[in-house]
PDB file of N, CA and C in Angstrom:
ATOM      1  N   UNK A   1      -8.365  -4.293  -1.306  1.00  0.00           N
ATOM      2  CA  UNK A   1      -8.688  -4.031   0.081  1.00  0.00           C
ATOM      3  C   UNK A   1     -10.180  -4.290   0.286  1.00  0.00           C
ATOM      4  N   UNK A   2     -10.490  -5.014   1.317  1.00  0.00           N
ATOM      5  CA  UNK A   2     -11.880  -5.280   1.686  1.00  0.00           C
ATOM      6  C   UNK A   2     -12.364  -4.198   2.637  1.00  0.00           C
ATOM      7  N   UNK A   3     -13.534  -3.669   2.376  1.00  0.00           N
ATOM      8  CA  UNK A   3     -14.124  -2.721   3.305  1.00  0.00           C
ATOM      9  C   UNK A   3     -14.570  -3.479   4.544  1.00  0.00           C
ATOM     10  N   UNK A   4     -14.371  -2.905   5.723  1.00  0.00           N
ATOM     11  CA  UNK A   4     -14.737  -3.609   6.953  1.00  0.00           C
ATOM     12  C   UNK A   4     -16.255  -3.718   7.134  1.00  0.00           C
ATOM     13  N   UNK A   5     -16.657  -4.671   7.954  1.00  0.00           N
ATOM     14  CA  UNK A   5     -18.080  -4.960   8.178  1.00  0.00           C
ATOM     15  C   UNK A   5     -18.840  -3.743   8.694  1.00  0.00           C
ATOM     16  N   UNK A   6     -18.197  -2.916   9.543  1.00  0.00           N
ATOM     17  CA  UNK A   6     -18.936  -1.774  10.095  1.00  0.00           C
ATOM     18  C   UNK A   6     -19.333  -0.765   9.018  1.00  0.00           C
ATOM     19  N   UNK A   7     -18.587  -0.693   7.927  1.00  0.00           N
ATOM     20  CA  UNK A   7     -18.963   0.193   6.820  1.00  0.00           C
ATOM     21  C   UNK A   7     -20.223  -0.340   6.155  1.00  0.00           C
ATOM     22  N   UNK A   8     -20.273  -1.656   5.928  1.00  0.00           N
ATOM     23  CA  UNK A   8     -21.459  -2.254   5.330  1.00  0.00           C
ATOM     24  C   UNK A   8     -22.673  -2.061   6.239  1.00  0.00           C
ATOM     25  N   UNK A   9     -22.464  -2.143   7.542  1.00  0.00           N
ATOM     26  CA  UNK A   9     -23.561  -1.936   8.491  1.00  0.00           C
ATOM     27  C   UNK A   9     -24.076  -0.503   8.426  1.00  0.00           C
ATOM     28  N   UNK A  10     -23.182   0.456   8.288  1.00  0.00           N
ATOM     29  CA  UNK A  10     -23.595   1.858   8.212  1.00  0.00           C
ATOM     30  C   UNK A  10     -24.360   2.163   6.930  1.00  0.00           C
ATOM     31  N   UNK A  11     -24.105   1.392   5.879  1.00  0.00           N
ATOM     32  CA  UNK A  11     -24.846   1.582   4.633  1.00  0.00           C
ATOM     33  C   UNK A  11     -26.346   1.419   4.843  1.00  0.00           C
ATOM     34  N   UNK A  12     -26.728   0.597   5.822  1.00  0.00           N
ATOM     35  CA  UNK A  12     -28.146   0.354   6.101  1.00  0.00           C
ATOM     36  C   UNK A  12     -28.889   1.651   6.407  1.00  0.00           C
ATOM     37  N   UNK A  13     -28.195   2.633   6.978  1.00  0.00           N
ATOM     38  CA  UNK A  13     -28.839   3.869   7.389  1.00  0.00           C
ATOM     39  C   UNK A  13     -28.926   4.944   6.320  1.00  0.00           C
ATOM     40  N   UNK A  14     -28.284   4.740   5.180  1.00  0.00           N
ATOM     41  CA  UNK A  14     -28.321   5.762   4.134  1.00  0.00           C
ATOM     42  C   UNK A  14     -29.704   5.827   3.502  1.00  0.00           C
ATOM     43  N   UNK A  15     -30.221   7.040   3.371  1.00  0.00           N
ATOM     44  CA  UNK A  15     -31.552   7.200   2.790  1.00  0.00           C
ATOM     45  C   UNK A  15     -31.504   7.696   1.350  1.00  0.00           C
ATOM     46  N   UNK A  16     -30.336   8.143   0.888  1.00  0.00           N
ATOM     47  CA  UNK A  16     -30.256   8.743  -0.448  1.00  0.00           C
ATOM     48  C   UNK A  16     -29.967   7.728  -1.548  1.00  0.00           C
ATOM     49  N   UNK A  17     -29.851   6.456  -1.200  1.00  0.00           N
ATOM     50  CA  UNK A  17     -29.478   5.456  -2.196  1.00  0.00           C
ATOM     51  C   UNK A  17     -30.645   5.104  -3.101  1.00  0.00           C
ATOM     52  N   UNK A  18     -30.420   5.128  -4.414  1.00  0.00           N
ATOM     53  CA  UNK A  18     -31.443   4.603  -5.316  1.00  0.00           C
ATOM     54  C   UNK A  18     -31.485   3.078  -5.187  1.00  0.00           C
ATOM     55  N   UNK A  19     -32.444   2.408  -5.843  1.00  0.00           N
ATOM     56  CA  UNK A  19     -32.548   0.950  -5.709  1.00  0.00           C
ATOM     57  C   UNK A  19     -31.258   0.191  -6.049  1.00  0.00           C
ATOM     58  N   UNK A  20     -30.478   0.692  -7.024  1.00  0.00           N
ATOM     59  CA  UNK A  20     -29.183   0.078  -7.342  1.00  0.00           C
ATOM     60  C   UNK A  20     -28.149   1.190  -7.446  1.00  0.00           C
ATOM     61  N   UNK A  21     -27.041   1.048  -6.722  1.00  0.00           N
ATOM     62  CA  UNK A  21     -25.976   2.036  -6.717  1.00  0.00           C
ATOM     63  C   UNK A  21     -24.644   1.330  -6.923  1.00  0.00           C
ATOM     64  N   UNK A  22     -23.825   1.863  -7.834  1.00  0.00           N
ATOM     65  CA  UNK A  22     -22.495   1.310  -8.077  1.00  0.00           C
ATOM     66  C   UNK A  22     -21.461   2.406  -7.833  1.00  0.00           C
ATOM     67  N   UNK A  23     -20.494   2.106  -6.942  1.00  0.00           N
ATOM     68  CA  UNK A  23     -19.430   3.050  -6.620  1.00  0.00           C
ATOM     69  C   UNK A  23     -18.105   2.404  -6.995  1.00  0.00           C
ATOM     70  N   UNK A  24     -17.372   3.049  -7.886  1.00  0.00           N
ATOM     71  CA  UNK A  24     -16.075   2.551  -8.341  1.00  0.00           C
ATOM     72  C   UNK A  24     -14.975   3.204  -7.521  1.00  0.00           C
ATOM     73  N   UNK A  25     -14.103   2.397  -6.920  1.00  0.00           N
ATOM     74  CA  UNK A  25     -12.914   2.882  -6.213  1.00  0.00           C
ATOM     75  C   UNK A  25     -11.726   2.662  -7.131  1.00  0.00           C
ATOM     76  N   UNK A  26     -11.036   3.738  -7.488  1.00  0.00           N
ATOM     77  CA  UNK A  26      -9.862   3.652  -8.370  1.00  0.00           C
ATOM     78  C   UNK A  26      -8.623   3.963  -7.552  1.00  0.00           C
ATOM     79  N   UNK A  27      -7.714   2.985  -7.505  1.00  0.00           N
ATOM     80  CA  UNK A  27      -6.477   3.134  -6.739  1.00  0.00           C
ATOM     81  C   UNK A  27      -5.297   3.009  -7.703  1.00  0.00           C
ATOM     82  N   UNK A  28      -4.311   3.920  -7.618  1.00  0.00           N
ATOM     83  CA  UNK A  28      -3.193   3.911  -8.562  1.00  0.00           C
ATOM     84  C   UNK A  28      -2.385   2.626  -8.578  1.00  0.00           C
ATOM     85  N   UNK A  29      -2.418   1.844  -7.499  1.00  0.00           N
ATOM     86  CA  UNK A  29      -1.624   0.614  -7.482  1.00  0.00           C
ATOM     87  C   UNK A  29      -2.300  -0.528  -8.234  1.00  0.00           C
ATOM     88  N   UNK A  30      -3.464  -0.266  -8.842  1.00  0.00           N
ATOM     89  CA  UNK A  30      -4.129  -1.283  -9.650  1.00  0.00           C
ATOM     90  C   UNK A  30      -5.085  -2.178  -8.881  1.00  0.00           C
ATOM     91  N   UNK A  31      -5.305  -1.912  -7.605  1.00  0.00           N
ATOM     92  CA  UNK A  31      -6.219  -2.747  -6.828  1.00  0.00           C
ATOM     93  C   UNK A  31      -7.632  -2.144  -6.822  1.00  0.00           C
ATOM     94  N   UNK A  32      -8.093  -1.752  -8.018  1.00  0.00           N
ATOM     95  CA  UNK A  32      -9.410  -1.144  -8.154  1.00  0.00           C
ATOM     96  C   UNK A  32     -10.496  -2.127  -7.747  1.00  0.00           C
ATOM     97  N   UNK A  33     -11.552  -1.586  -7.148  1.00  0.00           N
ATOM     98  CA  UNK A  33     -12.703  -2.407  -6.797  1.00  0.00           C
ATOM     99  C   UNK A  33     -13.949  -1.556  -6.866  1.00  0.00           C
ATOM    100  N   UNK A  34     -15.082  -2.216  -6.860  1.00  0.00           N
ATOM    101  CA  UNK A  34     -16.332  -1.472  -6.837  1.00  0.00           C
ATOM    102  C   UNK A  34     -17.255  -2.053  -5.791  1.00  0.00           C
ATOM    103  N   UNK A  35     -18.168  -1.218  -5.390  1.00  0.00           N
ATOM    104  CA  UNK A  35     -19.165  -1.572  -4.393  1.00  0.00           C
ATOM    105  C   UNK A  35     -20.516  -1.449  -5.087  1.00  0.00           C
ATOM    106  N   UNK A  36     -21.291  -2.514  -5.078  1.00  0.00           N
ATOM    107  CA  UNK A  36     -22.639  -2.460  -5.624  1.00  0.00           C
ATOM    108  C   UNK A  36     -23.613  -2.607  -4.467  1.00  0.00           C
ATOM    109  N   UNK A  37     -24.466  -1.609  -4.330  1.00  0.00           N
ATOM    110  CA  UNK A  37     -25.425  -1.575  -3.239  1.00  0.00           C
ATOM    111  C   UNK A  37     -26.822  -1.629  -3.849  1.00  0.00           C
ATOM    112  N   UNK A  38     -27.613  -2.577  -3.404  1.00  0.00           N
ATOM    113  CA  UNK A  38     -28.977  -2.699  -3.904  1.00  0.00           C
ATOM    114  C   UNK A  38     -29.946  -2.744  -2.732  1.00  0.00           C
ATOM    115  N   UNK A  39     -31.153  -2.360  -3.011  1.00  0.00           N
ATOM    116  CA  UNK A  39     -32.218  -2.495  -2.019  1.00  0.00           C
ATOM    117  C   UNK A  39     -33.070  -3.688  -2.432  1.00  0.00           C
ATOM    118  N   UNK A  40     -33.334  -4.560  -1.467  1.00  0.00           N
ATOM    119  CA  UNK A  40     -34.157  -5.730  -1.753  1.00  0.00           C
ATOM    120  C   UNK A  40     -35.494  -5.291  -2.312  1.00  0.00           C
ATOM    121  N   UNK A  41     -36.027  -6.070  -3.205  1.00  0.00           N
ATOM    122  CA  UNK A  41     -37.320  -5.816  -3.857  1.00  0.00           C
ATOM    123  C   UNK A  41     -37.295  -4.587  -4.760  1.00  0.00           C
ATOM    124  N   UNK A  42     -36.107  -3.986  -4.964  1.00  0.00           N
ATOM    125  CA  UNK A  42     -35.988  -2.840  -5.867  1.00  0.00           C
ATOM    126  C   UNK A  42     -36.743  -1.604  -5.412  1.00  0.00           C
ATOM    127  N   UNK A  43     -37.012  -1.494  -4.122  1.00  0.00           N
ATOM    128  CA  UNK A  43     -37.751  -0.340  -3.609  1.00  0.00           C
ATOM    129  C   UNK A  43     -36.839   0.511  -2.734  1.00  0.00           C
ATOM    130  N   UNK A  44     -37.219   1.764  -2.536  1.00  0.00           N
ATOM    131  CA  UNK A  44     -36.432   2.665  -1.694  1.00  0.00           C
ATOM    132  C   UNK A  44     -36.474   2.272  -0.224  1.00  0.00           C
ATOM    133  N   UNK A  45     -37.445   1.448   0.166  1.00  0.00           N
ATOM    134  CA  UNK A  45     -37.569   1.069   1.576  1.00  0.00           C
ATOM    135  C   UNK A  45     -37.033  -0.326   1.869  1.00  0.00           C
ATOM    136  N   UNK A  46     -36.555  -1.032   0.845  1.00  0.00           N
ATOM    137  CA  UNK A  46     -36.042  -2.385   1.051  1.00  0.00           C
ATOM    138  C   UNK A  46     -34.733  -2.402   1.819  1.00  0.00           C
ATOM    139  N   UNK A  47     -34.414  -3.558   2.393  1.00  0.00           N
ATOM    140  CA  UNK A  47     -33.158  -3.735   3.126  1.00  0.00           C
ATOM    141  C   UNK A  47     -31.981  -3.568   2.168  1.00  0.00           C
ATOM    142  N   UNK A  48     -30.903  -2.927   2.635  1.00  0.00           N
ATOM    143  CA  UNK A  48     -29.720  -2.682   1.816  1.00  0.00           C
ATOM    144  C   UNK A  48     -28.819  -3.908   1.805  1.00  0.00           C
ATOM    145  N   UNK A  49     -28.396  -4.310   0.611  1.00  0.00           N
ATOM    146  CA  UNK A  49     -27.459  -5.413   0.445  1.00  0.00           C
ATOM    147  C   UNK A  49     -26.272  -4.869  -0.345  1.00  0.00           C
ATOM    148  N   UNK A  50     -25.057  -5.035   0.188  1.00  0.00           N
ATOM    149  CA  UNK A  50     -23.856  -4.509  -0.469  1.00  0.00           C
ATOM    150  C   UNK A  50     -22.914  -5.637  -0.827  1.00  0.00           C
ATOM    151  N   UNK A  51     -22.298  -5.531  -1.997  1.00  0.00           N
ATOM    152  CA  UNK A  51     -21.346  -6.519  -2.470  1.00  0.00           C
ATOM    153  C   UNK A  51     -20.119  -5.780  -3.006  1.00  0.00           C
ATOM    154  N   UNK A  52     -18.947  -6.214  -2.600  1.00  0.00           N
ATOM    155  CA  UNK A  52     -17.701  -5.629  -3.076  1.00  0.00           C
ATOM    156  C   UNK A  52     -17.032  -6.615  -4.016  1.00  0.00           C
ATOM    157  N   UNK A  53     -16.561  -6.115  -5.170  1.00  0.00           N
ATOM    158  CA  UNK A  53     -15.888  -6.960  -6.149  1.00  0.00           C
ATOM    159  C   UNK A  53     -14.666  -6.251  -6.693  1.00  0.00           C
ATOM    160  N   UNK A  54     -13.664  -7.014  -7.054  1.00  0.00           N
ATOM    161  CA  UNK A  54     -12.457  -6.449  -7.655  1.00  0.00           C
ATOM    162  C   UNK A  54     -12.746  -6.063  -9.110  1.00  0.00           C
ATOM    163  N   UNK A  55     -12.003  -5.092  -9.609  1.00  0.00           N
ATOM    164  CA  UNK A  55     -12.108  -4.698 -11.004  1.00  0.00           C
ATOM    165  C   UNK A  55     -12.970  -3.466 -11.204  1.00  0.00           C
ATOM    166  N   UNK A  56     -13.615  -3.431 -12.370  1.00  0.00           N
ATOM    167  CA  UNK A  56     -14.380  -2.258 -12.778  1.00  0.00           C
ATOM    168  C   UNK A  56     -15.830  -2.622 -13.026  1.00  0.00           C
ATOM    169  N   UNK A  57     -16.691  -1.634 -12.858  1.00  0.00           N
ATOM    170  CA  UNK A  57     -18.113  -1.793 -13.143  1.00  0.00           C
ATOM    171  C   UNK A  57     -18.491  -0.753 -14.198  1.00  0.00           C
ATOM    172  N   UNK A  58     -19.394  -1.133 -15.086  1.00  0.00           N
ATOM    173  CA  UNK A  58     -19.849  -0.212 -16.126  1.00  0.00           C
ATOM    174  C   UNK A  58     -20.798   0.824 -15.535  1.00  0.00           C
ATOM    175  N   UNK A  59     -20.648   2.055 -15.951  1.00  0.00           N
ATOM    176  CA  UNK A  59     -21.550   3.148 -15.599  1.00  0.00           C
ATOM    177  C   UNK A  59     -21.801   3.314 -14.095  1.00  0.00           C
ATOM    178  N   UNK A  60     -20.745   3.505 -13.310  1.00  0.00           N
ATOM    179  CA  UNK A  60     -20.978   3.721 -11.876  1.00  0.00           C
ATOM    180  C   UNK A  60     -21.637   5.080 -11.637  1.00  0.00           C
ATOM    181  N   UNK A  61     -22.438   5.160 -10.571  1.00  0.00           N
ATOM    182  CA  UNK A  61     -23.047   6.431 -10.198  1.00  0.00           C
ATOM    183  C   UNK A  61     -21.996   7.373  -9.621  1.00  0.00           C
ATOM    184  N   UNK A  62     -20.932   6.806  -9.086  1.00  0.00           N
ATOM    185  CA  UNK A  62     -19.883   7.593  -8.445  1.00  0.00           C
ATOM    186  C   UNK A  62     -18.548   6.901  -8.638  1.00  0.00           C
ATOM    187  N   UNK A  63     -17.509   7.678  -8.999  1.00  0.00           N
ATOM    188  CA  UNK A  63     -16.137   7.171  -9.057  1.00  0.00           C
ATOM    189  C   UNK A  63     -15.317   7.940  -8.037  1.00  0.00           C
ATOM    190  N   UNK A  64     -14.608   7.200  -7.195  1.00  0.00           N
ATOM    191  CA  UNK A  64     -13.721   7.795  -6.202  1.00  0.00           C
ATOM    192  C   UNK A  64     -12.296   7.377  -6.526  1.00  0.00           C
ATOM    193  N   UNK A  65     -11.405   8.343  -6.637  1.00  0.00           N
ATOM    194  CA  UNK A  65     -10.007   8.049  -6.940  1.00  0.00           C
ATOM    195  C   UNK A  65      -9.141   8.571  -5.805  1.00  0.00           C
ATOM    196  N   UNK A  66      -8.291   7.683  -5.282  1.00  0.00           N
ATOM    197  CA  UNK A  66      -7.419   8.031  -4.163  1.00  0.00           C
ATOM    198  C   UNK A  66      -6.292   7.018  -4.087  1.00  0.00           C
ATOM    199  N   UNK A  67      -5.279   7.324  -3.281  1.00  0.00           N
ATOM    200  CA  UNK A  67      -4.202   6.365  -3.075  1.00  0.00           C
ATOM    201  C   UNK A  67      -4.667   5.280  -2.100  1.00  0.00           C
ATOM    202  N   UNK A  68      -3.967   4.171  -2.118  1.00  0.00           N
ATOM    203  CA  UNK A  68      -4.267   3.087  -1.184  1.00  0.00           C
ATOM    204  C   UNK A  68      -4.134   3.580   0.250  1.00  0.00           C
ATOM    205  N   UNK A  69      -3.084   4.374   0.527  1.00  0.00           N
ATOM    206  CA  UNK A  69      -2.857   4.872   1.888  1.00  0.00           C
ATOM    207  C   UNK A  69      -3.977   5.805   2.344  1.00  0.00           C
ATOM    208  N   UNK A  70      -4.488   6.621   1.433  1.00  0.00           N
ATOM    209  CA  UNK A  70      -5.610   7.487   1.790  1.00  0.00           C
ATOM    210  C   UNK A  70      -6.828   6.651   2.142  1.00  0.00           C
ATOM    211  N   UNK A  71      -7.140   5.650   1.316  1.00  0.00           N
ATOM    212  CA  UNK A  71      -8.278   4.777   1.601  1.00  0.00           C
ATOM    213  C   UNK A  71      -8.097   4.072   2.934  1.00  0.00           C
ATOM    214  N   UNK A  72      -6.900   3.569   3.180  1.00  0.00           N
ATOM    215  CA  UNK A  72      -6.618   2.872   4.442  1.00  0.00           C
ATOM    216  C   UNK A  72      -6.812   3.802   5.630  1.00  0.00           C
ATOM    217  N   UNK A  73      -6.300   5.039   5.533  1.00  0.00           N
ATOM    218  CA  UNK A  73      -6.426   5.996   6.633  1.00  0.00           C
ATOM    219  C   UNK A  73      -7.887   6.392   6.873  1.00  0.00           C
ATOM    220  N   UNK A  74      -8.654   6.527   5.799  1.00  0.00           N
ATOM    221  CA  UNK A  74     -10.072   6.868   5.943  1.00  0.00           C
ATOM    222  C   UNK A  74     -10.822   5.708   6.596  1.00  0.00           C
ATOM    223  N   UNK A  75     -10.558   4.495   6.149  1.00  0.00           N
ATOM    224  CA  UNK A  75     -11.227   3.318   6.719  1.00  0.00           C
ATOM    225  C   UNK A  75     -10.832   3.120   8.172  1.00  0.00           C
ATOM    226  N   UNK A  76      -9.552   3.328   8.484  1.00  0.00           N
ATOM    227  CA  UNK A  76      -9.074   3.166   9.859  1.00  0.00           C
ATOM    228  C   UNK A  76      -9.587   4.254  10.798  1.00  0.00           C
ATOM    229  N   UNK A  77     -10.105   5.349  10.222  1.00  0.00           N
ATOM    230  CA  UNK A  77     -10.613   6.437  11.052  1.00  0.00           C
ATOM    231  C   UNK A  77      -9.579   7.460  11.453  1.00  0.00           C
ATOM    232  N   UNK A  78      -8.372   7.370  10.880  1.00  0.00           N
ATOM    233  CA  UNK A  78      -7.343   8.345  11.229  1.00  0.00           C
ATOM    234  C   UNK A  78      -7.355   9.564  10.295  1.00  0.00           C
ATOM    235  N   UNK A  79      -8.191   9.536   9.262  1.00  0.00           N
ATOM    236  CA  UNK A  79      -8.316  10.644   8.322  1.00  0.00           C
ATOM    237  C   UNK A  79      -9.785  10.806   7.957  1.00  0.00           C
ATOM    238  N   UNK A  80     -10.271  12.026   8.031  1.00  0.00           N
ATOM    239  CA  UNK A  80     -11.645  12.328   7.638  1.00  0.00           C
ATOM    240  C   UNK A  80     -11.753  12.292   6.115  1.00  0.00           C
ATOM    241  N   UNK A  81     -12.786  11.613   5.619  1.00  0.00           N
ATOM    242  CA  UNK A  81     -12.999  11.566   4.168  1.00  0.00           C
ATOM    243  C   UNK A  81     -13.240  12.965   3.621  1.00  0.00           C
ATOM    244  N   UNK A  82     -13.963  13.780   4.355  1.00  0.00           N
ATOM    245  CA  UNK A  82     -14.218  15.162   3.910  1.00  0.00           C
ATOM    246  C   UNK A  82     -12.927  15.970   3.863  1.00  0.00           C
ATOM    247  N   UNK A  83     -12.081  15.804   4.887  1.00  0.00           N
ATOM    248  CA  UNK A  83     -10.797  16.507   4.927  1.00  0.00           C
ATOM    249  C   UNK A  83      -9.910  16.061   3.760  1.00  0.00           C
ATOM    250  N   UNK A  84      -9.872  14.758   3.509  1.00  0.00           N
ATOM    251  CA  UNK A  84      -9.066  14.237   2.397  1.00  0.00           C
ATOM    252  C   UNK A  84      -9.548  14.796   1.063  1.00  0.00           C
ATOM    253  N   UNK A  85     -10.862  14.935   0.910  1.00  0.00           N
ATOM    254  CA  UNK A  85     -11.400  15.526  -0.314  1.00  0.00           C
ATOM    255  C   UNK A  85     -10.969  16.984  -0.440  1.00  0.00           C
ATOM    256  N   UNK A  86     -11.087  17.737   0.644  1.00  0.00           N
ATOM    257  CA  UNK A  86     -10.709  19.149   0.608  1.00  0.00           C
ATOM    258  C   UNK A  86      -9.223  19.336   0.310  1.00  0.00           C
ATOM    259  N   UNK A  87      -8.398  18.398   0.750  1.00  0.00           N
ATOM    260  CA  UNK A  87      -6.953  18.455   0.470  1.00  0.00           C
ATOM    261  C   UNK A  87      -6.614  17.979  -0.943  1.00  0.00           C
ATOM    262  N   UNK A  88      -7.590  17.415  -1.650  1.00  0.00           N
ATOM    263  CA  UNK A  88      -7.350  16.895  -2.993  1.00  0.00           C
ATOM    264  C   UNK A  88      -6.843  15.467  -3.007  1.00  0.00           C
ATOM    265  N   UNK A  89      -6.861  14.804  -1.847  1.00  0.00           N
ATOM    266  CA  UNK A  89      -6.401  13.419  -1.777  1.00  0.00           C
ATOM    267  C   UNK A  89      -7.442  12.439  -2.295  1.00  0.00           C
ATOM    268  N   UNK A  90      -8.695  12.870  -2.329  1.00  0.00           N
ATOM    269  CA  UNK A  90      -9.769  12.066  -2.917  1.00  0.00           C
ATOM    270  C   UNK A  90     -10.405  12.904  -4.014  1.00  0.00           C
ATOM    271  N   UNK A  91     -10.482  12.341  -5.201  1.00  0.00           N
ATOM    272  CA  UNK A  91     -11.157  12.989  -6.311  1.00  0.00           C
ATOM    273  C   UNK A  91     -12.385  12.157  -6.654  1.00  0.00           C
ATOM    274  N   UNK A  92     -13.455  12.831  -7.056  1.00  0.00           N
ATOM    275  CA  UNK A  92     -14.656  12.083  -7.411  1.00  0.00           C
ATOM    276  C   UNK A  92     -15.273  12.644  -8.669  1.00  0.00           C
ATOM    277  N   UNK A  93     -16.030  11.803  -9.329  1.00  0.00           N
ATOM    278  CA  UNK A  93     -16.880  12.242 -10.427  1.00  0.00           C
ATOM    279  C   UNK A  93     -18.188  11.474 -10.294  1.00  0.00           C
ATOM    280  N   UNK A  94     -19.260  12.147 -10.642  1.00  0.00           N
ATOM    281  CA  UNK A  94     -20.566  11.519 -10.535  1.00  0.00           C
ATOM    282  C   UNK A  94     -21.461  12.225  -9.537  1.00  0.00           C
ATOM    283  N   UNK A  95     -22.269  11.454  -8.861  1.00  0.00           N
ATOM    284  CA  UNK A  95     -23.321  11.944  -7.962  1.00  0.00           C
ATOM    285  C   UNK A  95     -22.741  12.604  -6.705  1.00  0.00           C
ATOM    286  N   UNK A  96     -22.840  13.924  -6.642  1.00  0.00           N
ATOM    287  CA  UNK A  96     -22.287  14.697  -5.518  1.00  0.00           C
ATOM    288  C   UNK A  96     -22.985  14.354  -4.201  1.00  0.00           C
ATOM    289  N   UNK A  97     -24.311  14.184  -4.227  1.00  0.00           N
ATOM    290  CA  UNK A  97     -25.053  13.851  -3.000  1.00  0.00           C
ATOM    291  C   UNK A  97     -24.642  12.492  -2.460  1.00  0.00           C
ATOM    292  N   UNK A  98     -24.420  11.541  -3.343  1.00  0.00           N
ATOM    293  CA  UNK A  98     -23.970  10.216  -2.927  1.00  0.00           C
ATOM    294  C   UNK A  98     -22.571  10.303  -2.331  1.00  0.00           C
ATOM    295  N   UNK A  99     -21.699  11.095  -2.936  1.00  0.00           N
ATOM    296  CA  UNK A  99     -20.342  11.273  -2.404  1.00  0.00           C
ATOM    297  C   UNK A  99     -20.390  11.848  -0.983  1.00  0.00           C
ATOM    298  N   UNK A 100     -21.242  12.834  -0.762  1.00  0.00           N
ATOM    299  CA  UNK A 100     -21.365  13.438   0.571  1.00  0.00           C
ATOM    300  C   UNK A 100     -21.914  12.424   1.569  1.00  0.00           C
ATOM    301  N   UNK A 101     -22.887  11.622   1.160  1.00  0.00           N
ATOM    302  CA  UNK A 101     -23.471  10.613   2.050  1.00  0.00           C
ATOM    303  C   UNK A 101     -22.451   9.548   2.403  1.00  0.00           C
ATOM    304  N   UNK A 102     -21.639   9.126   1.444  1.00  0.00           N
ATOM    305  CA  UNK A 102     -20.629   8.095   1.720  1.00  0.00           C
ATOM    306  C   UNK A 102     -19.564   8.625   2.661  1.00  0.00           C
ATOM    307  N   UNK A 103     -19.245   9.906   2.573  1.00  0.00           N
ATOM    308  CA  UNK A 103     -18.254  10.485   3.479  1.00  0.00           C
ATOM    309  C   UNK A 103     -18.704  10.336   4.932  1.00  0.00           C
ATOM    310  N   UNK A 104     -19.997  10.373   5.163  1.00  0.00           N
ATOM    311  CA  UNK A 104     -20.535  10.232   6.519  1.00  0.00           C
ATOM    312  C   UNK A 104     -20.373   8.823   7.063  1.00  0.00           C
ATOM    313  N   UNK A 105     -20.106   7.837   6.209  1.00  0.00           N
ATOM    314  CA  UNK A 105     -19.933   6.456   6.668  1.00  0.00           C
ATOM    315  C   UNK A 105     -18.608   6.272   7.374  1.00  0.00           C
ATOM    316  N   UNK A 106     -17.651   7.132   7.077  1.00  0.00           N
ATOM    317  CA  UNK A 106     -16.291   6.970   7.600  1.00  0.00           C
ATOM    318  C   UNK A 106     -16.062   7.998   8.692  1.00  0.00           C
ATOM    319  N   UNK A 107     -16.043   7.565   9.929  1.00  0.00           N
ATOM    320  CA  UNK A 107     -15.841   8.471  11.056  1.00  0.00           C
ATOM    321  C   UNK A 107     -14.383   8.451  11.488  1.00  0.00           C
ATOM    322  N   UNK A 108     -13.921   9.579  12.006  1.00  0.00           N
ATOM    323  CA  UNK A 108     -12.539   9.647  12.489  1.00  0.00           C
ATOM    324  C   UNK A 108     -12.503   9.430  13.983  1.00  0.00           C
ATOM    325  N   UNK A 109     -11.352   8.956  14.434  1.00  0.00           N
ATOM    326  CA  UNK A 109     -11.185   8.686  15.870  1.00  0.00           C
ATOM    327  C   UNK A 109     -10.901   9.945  16.629  1.00  0.00           C
TER     328      UNK A 109
END
């Protein structure tokens, strides 16, 4: 699944991102992907550039595990990422602050 352009646009506003951030999305159907977010020039004030790739990345700062349907509902805005986490539909390991910041990228209708 490709993340929509508006999610990448919202990444520009995140202030908690280190110069390089890797987020692994684990989906039970095997369509795992990761998001690598970097700041140009390796500084905290550089422009954010995000790249999505299929498969796995070594040593991600955050791993998110959920079903494909949960991810789809969160991206579509019909399910709050925070609500899905509280229900146990999204499990994470890694950077808690980054997980909270990413939840803010997904707004519900």
